[in-house]
Amino acid sequence: MRGKLETIVGAMFAGKTSELLKRILWAKHQDKKIIVMKPNIDNRYSNQKIITHNDLSHDCYPMINWKTALEEFEFKKNKVDVVFLDEIQFMDTKDTITNVENILNQGIDVVCAGLDQDSRGKPWETSSMLLGLSDKILKIYGFCNVCGIEATKTFRKTEGGERTKVGASNIYEPRCLKHWEPR
Protein backbone atom coordinates (compact mmCIF):
# COMPACT_ATOMS: atom_id res chain seq x y z
CA MET A 1 0.00 0.00 0.00
CA ARG A 2 1.22 3.48 -0.87
CA GLY A 3 2.25 5.78 1.97
CA LYS A 4 0.39 8.99 2.76
CA LEU A 5 1.79 12.45 2.03
CA GLU A 6 0.96 15.27 4.41
CA THR A 7 2.18 18.83 3.81
CA ILE A 8 2.17 21.66 6.35
CA VAL A 9 2.60 25.16 4.89
CA GLY A 10 2.28 28.79 5.89
CA ALA A 11 4.23 32.00 6.37
CA MET A 12 7.21 32.38 8.67
CA PHE A 13 6.39 32.27 12.40
CA ALA A 14 3.12 30.40 11.81
CA GLY A 15 4.25 27.28 13.68
CA LYS A 16 5.04 24.87 10.82
CA THR A 17 8.03 23.27 12.53
CA SER A 18 6.06 23.06 15.79
CA GLU A 19 3.35 21.11 13.91
CA LEU A 20 6.02 18.88 12.41
CA LEU A 21 7.53 18.26 15.87
CA LYS A 22 4.09 17.32 17.19
CA ARG A 23 3.82 14.65 14.49
CA ILE A 24 7.39 13.45 15.17
CA LEU A 25 6.63 13.05 18.88
CA TRP A 26 3.41 11.18 18.11
CA ALA A 27 5.23 8.82 15.73
CA LYS A 28 7.91 8.17 18.38
CA HIS A 29 5.20 7.54 20.97
CA GLN A 30 3.81 4.87 18.63
CA ASP A 31 7.31 3.33 18.32
CA LYS A 32 7.48 4.14 14.61
CA LYS A 33 10.83 4.09 12.85
CA ILE A 34 11.44 7.64 11.62
CA ILE A 35 13.87 9.72 9.60
CA VAL A 36 13.92 13.50 10.07
CA MET A 37 15.69 15.63 7.44
CA LYS A 38 16.12 19.25 6.46
CA PRO A 39 18.26 20.95 3.82
CA ASN A 40 21.68 21.91 5.18
CA ILE A 41 21.14 25.50 4.01
CA ASP A 42 18.91 25.94 7.09
CA ASN A 43 21.61 26.50 9.69
CA ARG A 44 19.91 29.34 11.58
CA TYR A 45 19.90 27.65 14.97
CA SER A 46 21.65 24.31 14.41
CA ASN A 47 22.96 22.14 11.60
CA GLN A 48 21.90 18.85 13.22
CA LYS A 49 18.45 19.78 14.57
CA ILE A 50 15.16 21.16 13.41
CA ILE A 51 14.44 23.97 15.85
CA THR A 52 11.39 26.16 16.29
CA HIS A 53 11.68 29.90 16.84
CA ASN A 54 10.83 29.25 20.51
CA ASP A 55 13.62 26.66 20.87
CA LEU A 56 11.81 23.30 20.65
CA SER A 57 13.96 20.82 18.73
CA HIS A 58 14.60 17.33 17.41
CA ASP A 59 17.71 15.78 15.90
CA CYS A 60 17.77 15.59 12.12
CA TYR A 61 19.91 14.76 9.13
CA PRO A 62 21.05 17.95 7.36
CA MET A 63 20.87 16.85 3.73
CA ILE A 64 23.14 18.33 1.12
CA ASN A 65 21.00 16.79 -1.61
CA TRP A 66 18.97 13.65 -2.25
CA LYS A 67 22.02 11.74 -3.51
CA THR A 68 23.70 12.05 -0.10
CA ALA A 69 20.44 11.22 1.71
CA LEU A 70 20.07 8.05 -0.36
CA GLU A 71 23.64 7.06 0.56
CA GLU A 72 22.86 7.64 4.26
CA PHE A 73 19.44 5.96 4.50
CA GLU A 74 17.68 2.95 3.05
CA PHE A 75 14.09 4.00 2.39
CA LYS A 76 12.46 0.57 2.72
CA LYS A 77 9.26 -0.20 4.66
CA ASN A 78 11.04 -2.66 6.96
CA LYS A 79 13.54 0.10 7.92
CA VAL A 80 11.34 3.21 8.22
CA ASP A 81 7.68 4.05 8.78
CA VAL A 82 7.65 7.84 8.40
CA VAL A 83 9.97 10.40 6.79
CA PHE A 84 9.74 13.97 8.07
CA LEU A 85 11.03 16.81 5.87
CA ASP A 86 11.40 20.38 7.17
CA GLU A 87 12.05 23.54 5.13
CA ILE A 88 10.94 21.83 1.91
CA GLN A 89 11.02 25.11 -0.03
CA PHE A 90 14.83 24.89 -0.05
CA MET A 91 14.93 21.36 -1.53
CA ASP A 92 15.51 20.72 -5.23
CA THR A 93 12.06 20.42 -6.81
CA LYS A 94 12.66 17.63 -9.34
CA ASP A 95 14.75 15.45 -7.00
CA THR A 96 12.37 15.98 -4.10
CA ILE A 97 9.26 15.03 -6.08
CA THR A 98 10.99 11.95 -7.53
CA ASN A 99 12.30 10.77 -4.16
CA VAL A 100 9.12 11.51 -2.20
CA GLU A 101 7.17 9.51 -4.81
CA ASN A 102 9.66 6.63 -4.46
CA ILE A 103 9.39 6.73 -0.67
CA LEU A 104 5.58 6.78 -0.81
CA ASN A 105 5.62 3.84 -3.24
CA GLN A 106 7.57 1.85 -0.62
CA GLY A 107 4.56 2.25 1.72
CA ILE A 108 6.33 4.86 3.85
CA ASP A 109 4.42 7.95 5.01
CA VAL A 110 5.96 11.40 4.39
CA VAL A 111 5.21 14.55 6.37
CA CYS A 112 6.60 17.83 4.97
CA ALA A 113 6.69 21.37 6.32
CA GLY A 114 7.76 24.60 4.68
CA LEU A 115 6.94 28.00 3.33
CA ASP A 116 4.34 28.11 0.58
CA GLN A 117 5.41 31.60 -0.61
CA ASP A 118 8.52 33.74 -0.52
CA SER A 119 8.60 37.28 0.89
CA ARG A 120 7.57 38.59 -2.55
CA GLY A 121 4.39 36.50 -2.49
CA LYS A 122 5.60 34.03 -5.13
CA PRO A 123 4.95 30.31 -4.59
CA TRP A 124 7.93 28.11 -3.78
CA GLU A 125 8.07 25.46 -6.50
CA THR A 126 8.89 22.45 -4.31
CA SER A 127 6.19 23.33 -1.79
CA SER A 128 3.65 23.85 -4.58
CA MET A 129 4.39 20.51 -6.21
CA LEU A 130 4.19 18.64 -2.91
CA LEU A 131 0.91 20.38 -2.10
CA GLY A 132 -0.47 19.13 -5.43
CA LEU A 133 0.51 15.55 -4.57
CA SER A 134 -0.58 15.65 -0.92
CA ASP A 135 -3.23 13.45 0.61
CA LYS A 136 -3.60 15.89 3.50
CA ILE A 137 -2.77 19.60 3.67
CA LEU A 138 -2.56 21.90 6.67
CA LYS A 139 -2.14 25.62 6.08
CA ILE A 140 -1.41 27.48 9.27
CA TYR A 141 -1.19 31.17 10.06
CA GLY A 142 0.78 33.42 12.34
CA PHE A 143 -0.23 36.80 13.72
CA CYS A 144 0.58 40.11 12.06
CA ASN A 145 3.39 41.98 13.83
CA VAL A 146 1.60 45.27 13.09
CA CYS A 147 -2.05 44.64 14.04
CA GLY A 148 -2.22 41.11 15.49
CA ILE A 149 -4.75 39.63 13.07
CA GLU A 150 -4.16 36.47 11.03
CA ALA A 151 -0.90 36.68 9.05
CA THR A 152 -0.73 34.87 5.71
CA LYS A 153 2.44 36.52 4.39
CA THR A 154 6.12 36.73 5.24
CA PHE A 155 7.42 40.30 5.28
CA ARG A 156 11.11 40.96 4.64
CA LYS A 157 12.26 43.91 6.72
CA THR A 158 14.81 45.08 4.14
CA GLU A 159 14.22 45.56 0.44
CA GLY A 160 16.00 43.71 -2.35
CA GLY A 161 18.45 40.87 -2.23
CA GLU A 162 18.27 37.28 -3.36
CA ARG A 163 15.06 35.31 -3.20
CA THR A 164 16.58 32.84 -0.74
CA LYS A 165 17.89 34.55 2.36
CA VAL A 166 17.88 32.28 5.38
CA GLY A 167 17.02 34.15 8.55
CA ALA A 168 14.68 34.60 11.45
CA SER A 169 13.07 37.58 13.19
CA ASN A 170 16.17 39.63 12.41
CA ILE A 171 15.10 39.62 8.73
CA TYR A 172 11.43 38.52 8.56
CA GLU A 173 8.12 38.94 10.33
CA PRO A 174 4.56 37.69 9.79
CA ARG A 175 2.12 40.17 8.27
CA CYS A 176 -1.54 40.32 7.27
CA LEU A 177 -2.45 41.35 3.72
CA LYS A 178 -3.14 44.93 4.82
CA HIS A 179 0.36 45.41 6.28
CA TRP A 180 2.37 43.26 3.87
CA GLU A 181 4.19 44.35 0.74
CA PRO A 182 6.41 42.26 -1.52
CA ARG A 183 10.13 42.80 -0.85
C-alpha atoms as a PDB file:
ATOM      1  CA  MET A   1       0.000   0.000   0.000  1.00  0.00           C
ATOM      2  CA  ARG A   2       1.216   3.479  -0.875  1.00  0.00           C
ATOM      3  CA  GLY A   3       2.249   5.777   1.966  1.00  0.00           C
ATOM      4  CA  LYS A   4       0.391   8.992   2.763  1.00  0.00           C
ATOM      5  CA  LEU A   5       1.794  12.448   2.028  1.00  0.00           C
ATOM      6  CA  GLU A   6       0.956  15.273   4.406  1.00  0.00           C
ATOM      7  CA  THR A   7       2.176  18.829   3.807  1.00  0.00           C
ATOM      8  CA  ILE A   8       2.172  21.660   6.348  1.00  0.00           C
ATOM      9  CA  VAL A   9       2.597  25.158   4.893  1.00  0.00           C
ATOM     10  CA  GLY A  10       2.277  28.788   5.886  1.00  0.00           C
ATOM     11  CA  ALA A  11       4.226  32.001   6.367  1.00  0.00           C
ATOM     12  CA  MET A  12       7.206  32.377   8.673  1.00  0.00           C
ATOM     13  CA  PHE A  13       6.390  32.272  12.404  1.00  0.00           C
ATOM     14  CA  ALA A  14       3.122  30.404  11.808  1.00  0.00           C
ATOM     15  CA  GLY A  15       4.253  27.282  13.678  1.00  0.00           C
ATOM     16  CA  LYS A  16       5.044  24.873  10.820  1.00  0.00           C
ATOM     17  CA  THR A  17       8.028  23.273  12.533  1.00  0.00           C
ATOM     18  CA  SER A  18       6.056  23.057  15.792  1.00  0.00           C
ATOM     19  CA  GLU A  19       3.349  21.114  13.912  1.00  0.00           C
ATOM     20  CA  LEU A  20       6.019  18.878  12.406  1.00  0.00           C
ATOM     21  CA  LEU A  21       7.529  18.260  15.866  1.00  0.00           C
ATOM     22  CA  LYS A  22       4.091  17.322  17.193  1.00  0.00           C
ATOM     23  CA  ARG A  23       3.817  14.648  14.492  1.00  0.00           C
ATOM     24  CA  ILE A  24       7.390  13.454  15.168  1.00  0.00           C
ATOM     25  CA  LEU A  25       6.630  13.052  18.882  1.00  0.00           C
ATOM     26  CA  TRP A  26       3.407  11.176  18.110  1.00  0.00           C
ATOM     27  CA  ALA A  27       5.227   8.817  15.727  1.00  0.00           C
ATOM     28  CA  LYS A  28       7.907   8.166  18.376  1.00  0.00           C
ATOM     29  CA  HIS A  29       5.200   7.541  20.972  1.00  0.00           C
ATOM     30  CA  GLN A  30       3.809   4.872  18.630  1.00  0.00           C
ATOM     31  CA  ASP A  31       7.313   3.329  18.318  1.00  0.00           C
ATOM     32  CA  LYS A  32       7.480   4.141  14.608  1.00  0.00           C
ATOM     33  CA  LYS A  33      10.831   4.095  12.847  1.00  0.00           C
ATOM     34  CA  ILE A  34      11.437   7.636  11.621  1.00  0.00           C
ATOM     35  CA  ILE A  35      13.867   9.719   9.603  1.00  0.00           C
ATOM     36  CA  VAL A  36      13.923  13.502  10.070  1.00  0.00           C
ATOM     37  CA  MET A  37      15.685  15.633   7.443  1.00  0.00           C
ATOM     38  CA  LYS A  38      16.121  19.253   6.461  1.00  0.00           C
ATOM     39  CA  PRO A  39      18.262  20.952   3.821  1.00  0.00           C
ATOM     40  CA  ASN A  40      21.679  21.908   5.180  1.00  0.00           C
ATOM     41  CA  ILE A  41      21.139  25.503   4.006  1.00  0.00           C
ATOM     42  CA  ASP A  42      18.914  25.943   7.085  1.00  0.00           C
ATOM     43  CA  ASN A  43      21.614  26.497   9.689  1.00  0.00           C
ATOM     44  CA  ARG A  44      19.911  29.343  11.580  1.00  0.00           C
ATOM     45  CA  TYR A  45      19.897  27.649  14.967  1.00  0.00           C
ATOM     46  CA  SER A  46      21.647  24.308  14.406  1.00  0.00           C
ATOM     47  CA  ASN A  47      22.962  22.137  11.601  1.00  0.00           C
ATOM     48  CA  GLN A  48      21.905  18.850  13.217  1.00  0.00           C
ATOM     49  CA  LYS A  49      18.454  19.778  14.571  1.00  0.00           C
ATOM     50  CA  ILE A  50      15.157  21.156  13.414  1.00  0.00           C
ATOM     51  CA  ILE A  51      14.436  23.966  15.855  1.00  0.00           C
ATOM     52  CA  THR A  52      11.386  26.164  16.286  1.00  0.00           C
ATOM     53  CA  HIS A  53      11.677  29.898  16.844  1.00  0.00           C
ATOM     54  CA  ASN A  54      10.829  29.253  20.509  1.00  0.00           C
ATOM     55  CA  ASP A  55      13.619  26.663  20.870  1.00  0.00           C
ATOM     56  CA  LEU A  56      11.809  23.299  20.648  1.00  0.00           C
ATOM     57  CA  SER A  57      13.963  20.822  18.733  1.00  0.00           C
ATOM     58  CA  HIS A  58      14.598  17.333  17.408  1.00  0.00           C
ATOM     59  CA  ASP A  59      17.712  15.777  15.899  1.00  0.00           C
ATOM     60  CA  CYS A  60      17.767  15.590  12.121  1.00  0.00           C
ATOM     61  CA  TYR A  61      19.911  14.756   9.126  1.00  0.00           C
ATOM     62  CA  PRO A  62      21.049  17.951   7.357  1.00  0.00           C
ATOM     63  CA  MET A  63      20.865  16.855   3.730  1.00  0.00           C
ATOM     64  CA  ILE A  64      23.144  18.333   1.115  1.00  0.00           C
ATOM     65  CA  ASN A  65      21.000  16.793  -1.612  1.00  0.00           C
ATOM     66  CA  TRP A  66      18.973  13.650  -2.247  1.00  0.00           C
ATOM     67  CA  LYS A  67      22.017  11.744  -3.512  1.00  0.00           C
ATOM     68  CA  THR A  68      23.696  12.052  -0.100  1.00  0.00           C
ATOM     69  CA  ALA A  69      20.442  11.223   1.714  1.00  0.00           C
ATOM     70  CA  LEU A  70      20.068   8.048  -0.361  1.00  0.00           C
ATOM     71  CA  GLU A  71      23.635   7.065   0.563  1.00  0.00           C
ATOM     72  CA  GLU A  72      22.862   7.644   4.264  1.00  0.00           C
ATOM     73  CA  PHE A  73      19.442   5.957   4.502  1.00  0.00           C
ATOM     74  CA  GLU A  74      17.682   2.946   3.051  1.00  0.00           C
ATOM     75  CA  PHE A  75      14.092   3.996   2.392  1.00  0.00           C
ATOM     76  CA  LYS A  76      12.456   0.570   2.725  1.00  0.00           C
ATOM     77  CA  LYS A  77       9.263  -0.200   4.664  1.00  0.00           C
ATOM     78  CA  ASN A  78      11.044  -2.660   6.958  1.00  0.00           C
ATOM     79  CA  LYS A  79      13.541   0.100   7.917  1.00  0.00           C
ATOM     80  CA  VAL A  80      11.342   3.206   8.220  1.00  0.00           C
ATOM     81  CA  ASP A  81       7.680   4.051   8.784  1.00  0.00           C
ATOM     82  CA  VAL A  82       7.653   7.844   8.404  1.00  0.00           C
ATOM     83  CA  VAL A  83       9.969  10.396   6.791  1.00  0.00           C
ATOM     84  CA  PHE A  84       9.738  13.970   8.074  1.00  0.00           C
ATOM     85  CA  LEU A  85      11.029  16.813   5.870  1.00  0.00           C
ATOM     86  CA  ASP A  86      11.397  20.377   7.173  1.00  0.00           C
ATOM     87  CA  GLU A  87      12.047  23.539   5.125  1.00  0.00           C
ATOM     88  CA  ILE A  88      10.941  21.826   1.905  1.00  0.00           C
ATOM     89  CA  GLN A  89      11.022  25.110  -0.029  1.00  0.00           C
ATOM     90  CA  PHE A  90      14.833  24.887  -0.049  1.00  0.00           C
ATOM     91  CA  MET A  91      14.935  21.363  -1.529  1.00  0.00           C
ATOM     92  CA  ASP A  92      15.506  20.725  -5.233  1.00  0.00           C
ATOM     93  CA  THR A  93      12.061  20.422  -6.813  1.00  0.00           C
ATOM     94  CA  LYS A  94      12.662  17.635  -9.338  1.00  0.00           C
ATOM     95  CA  ASP A  95      14.753  15.446  -7.003  1.00  0.00           C
ATOM     96  CA  THR A  96      12.369  15.977  -4.096  1.00  0.00           C
ATOM     97  CA  ILE A  97       9.261  15.028  -6.081  1.00  0.00           C
ATOM     98  CA  THR A  98      10.990  11.952  -7.528  1.00  0.00           C
ATOM     99  CA  ASN A  99      12.298  10.766  -4.158  1.00  0.00           C
ATOM    100  CA  VAL A 100       9.123  11.510  -2.201  1.00  0.00           C
ATOM    101  CA  GLU A 101       7.166   9.510  -4.810  1.00  0.00           C
ATOM    102  CA  ASN A 102       9.664   6.631  -4.464  1.00  0.00           C
ATOM    103  CA  ILE A 103       9.388   6.728  -0.667  1.00  0.00           C
ATOM    104  CA  LEU A 104       5.577   6.776  -0.807  1.00  0.00           C
ATOM    105  CA  ASN A 105       5.618   3.838  -3.241  1.00  0.00           C
ATOM    106  CA  GLN A 106       7.568   1.854  -0.616  1.00  0.00           C
ATOM    107  CA  GLY A 107       4.563   2.247   1.715  1.00  0.00           C
ATOM    108  CA  ILE A 108       6.328   4.862   3.852  1.00  0.00           C
ATOM    109  CA  ASP A 109       4.420   7.955   5.010  1.00  0.00           C
ATOM    110  CA  VAL A 110       5.964  11.396   4.395  1.00  0.00           C
ATOM    111  CA  VAL A 111       5.213  14.552   6.368  1.00  0.00           C
ATOM    112  CA  CYS A 112       6.600  17.827   4.965  1.00  0.00           C
ATOM    113  CA  ALA A 113       6.694  21.371   6.323  1.00  0.00           C
ATOM    114  CA  GLY A 114       7.762  24.599   4.685  1.00  0.00           C
ATOM    115  CA  LEU A 115       6.944  27.996   3.327  1.00  0.00           C
ATOM    116  CA  ASP A 116       4.345  28.107   0.577  1.00  0.00           C
ATOM    117  CA  GLN A 117       5.409  31.599  -0.609  1.00  0.00           C
ATOM    118  CA  ASP A 118       8.518  33.735  -0.525  1.00  0.00           C
ATOM    119  CA  SER A 119       8.596  37.277   0.891  1.00  0.00           C
ATOM    120  CA  ARG A 120       7.574  38.585  -2.548  1.00  0.00           C
ATOM    121  CA  GLY A 121       4.392  36.505  -2.487  1.00  0.00           C
ATOM    122  CA  LYS A 122       5.603  34.035  -5.132  1.00  0.00           C
ATOM    123  CA  PRO A 123       4.953  30.309  -4.585  1.00  0.00           C
ATOM    124  CA  TRP A 124       7.928  28.107  -3.776  1.00  0.00           C
ATOM    125  CA  GLU A 125       8.067  25.464  -6.496  1.00  0.00           C
ATOM    126  CA  THR A 126       8.887  22.446  -4.314  1.00  0.00           C
ATOM    127  CA  SER A 127       6.190  23.327  -1.788  1.00  0.00           C
ATOM    128  CA  SER A 128       3.648  23.854  -4.578  1.00  0.00           C
ATOM    129  CA  MET A 129       4.393  20.512  -6.209  1.00  0.00           C
ATOM    130  CA  LEU A 130       4.194  18.643  -2.905  1.00  0.00           C
ATOM    131  CA  LEU A 131       0.905  20.375  -2.103  1.00  0.00           C
ATOM    132  CA  GLY A 132      -0.471  19.135  -5.425  1.00  0.00           C
ATOM    133  CA  LEU A 133       0.510  15.548  -4.570  1.00  0.00           C
ATOM    134  CA  SER A 134      -0.580  15.647  -0.923  1.00  0.00           C
ATOM    135  CA  ASP A 135      -3.228  13.445   0.611  1.00  0.00           C
ATOM    136  CA  LYS A 136      -3.597  15.892   3.502  1.00  0.00           C
ATOM    137  CA  ILE A 137      -2.772  19.601   3.666  1.00  0.00           C
ATOM    138  CA  LEU A 138      -2.562  21.902   6.670  1.00  0.00           C
ATOM    139  CA  LYS A 139      -2.135  25.624   6.076  1.00  0.00           C
ATOM    140  CA  ILE A 140      -1.415  27.485   9.265  1.00  0.00           C
ATOM    141  CA  TYR A 141      -1.186  31.172  10.062  1.00  0.00           C
ATOM    142  CA  GLY A 142       0.777  33.425  12.345  1.00  0.00           C
ATOM    143  CA  PHE A 143      -0.228  36.795  13.722  1.00  0.00           C
ATOM    144  CA  CYS A 144       0.585  40.114  12.061  1.00  0.00           C
ATOM    145  CA  ASN A 145       3.394  41.984  13.832  1.00  0.00           C
ATOM    146  CA  VAL A 146       1.598  45.268  13.093  1.00  0.00           C
ATOM    147  CA  CYS A 147      -2.049  44.637  14.040  1.00  0.00           C
ATOM    148  CA  GLY A 148      -2.216  41.107  15.489  1.00  0.00           C
ATOM    149  CA  ILE A 149      -4.747  39.630  13.066  1.00  0.00           C
ATOM    150  CA  GLU A 150      -4.157  36.466  11.028  1.00  0.00           C
ATOM    151  CA  ALA A 151      -0.902  36.684   9.049  1.00  0.00           C
ATOM    152  CA  THR A 152      -0.732  34.874   5.711  1.00  0.00           C
ATOM    153  CA  LYS A 153       2.435  36.523   4.390  1.00  0.00           C
ATOM    154  CA  THR A 154       6.122  36.732   5.238  1.00  0.00           C
ATOM    155  CA  PHE A 155       7.416  40.304   5.277  1.00  0.00           C
ATOM    156  CA  ARG A 156      11.109  40.961   4.639  1.00  0.00           C
ATOM    157  CA  LYS A 157      12.259  43.912   6.724  1.00  0.00           C
ATOM    158  CA  THR A 158      14.807  45.076   4.141  1.00  0.00           C
ATOM    159  CA  GLU A 159      14.222  45.562   0.440  1.00  0.00           C
ATOM    160  CA  GLY A 160      15.997  43.705  -2.349  1.00  0.00           C
ATOM    161  CA  GLY A 161      18.446  40.867  -2.234  1.00  0.00           C
ATOM    162  CA  GLU A 162      18.274  37.279  -3.359  1.00  0.00           C
ATOM    163  CA  ARG A 163      15.057  35.311  -3.201  1.00  0.00           C
ATOM    164  CA  THR A 164      16.583  32.836  -0.742  1.00  0.00           C
ATOM    165  CA  LYS A 165      17.892  34.554   2.360  1.00  0.00           C
ATOM    166  CA  VAL A 166      17.877  32.279   5.382  1.00  0.00           C
ATOM    167  CA  GLY A 167      17.025  34.151   8.547  1.00  0.00           C
ATOM    168  CA  ALA A 168      14.683  34.598  11.454  1.00  0.00           C
ATOM    169  CA  SER A 169      13.072  37.583  13.190  1.00  0.00           C
ATOM    170  CA  ASN A 170      16.171  39.634  12.411  1.00  0.00           C
ATOM    171  CA  ILE A 171      15.096  39.618   8.734  1.00  0.00           C
ATOM    172  CA  TYR A 172      11.429  38.520   8.563  1.00  0.00           C
ATOM    173  CA  GLU A 173       8.120  38.940  10.328  1.00  0.00           C
ATOM    174  CA  PRO A 174       4.565  37.694   9.788  1.00  0.00           C
ATOM    175  CA  ARG A 175       2.115  40.175   8.271  1.00  0.00           C
ATOM    176  CA  CYS A 176      -1.538  40.323   7.271  1.00  0.00           C
ATOM    177  CA  LEU A 177      -2.449  41.345   3.720  1.00  0.00           C
ATOM    178  CA  LYS A 178      -3.138  44.928   4.820  1.00  0.00           C
ATOM    179  CA  HIS A 179       0.358  45.410   6.282  1.00  0.00           C
ATOM    180  CA  TRP A 180       2.372  43.261   3.872  1.00  0.00           C
ATOM    181  CA  GLU A 181       4.193  44.351   0.744  1.00  0.00           C
ATOM    182  CA  PRO A 182       6.410  42.263  -1.520  1.00  0.00           C
ATOM    183  CA  ARG A 183      10.129  42.796  -0.851  1.00  0.00           C
END
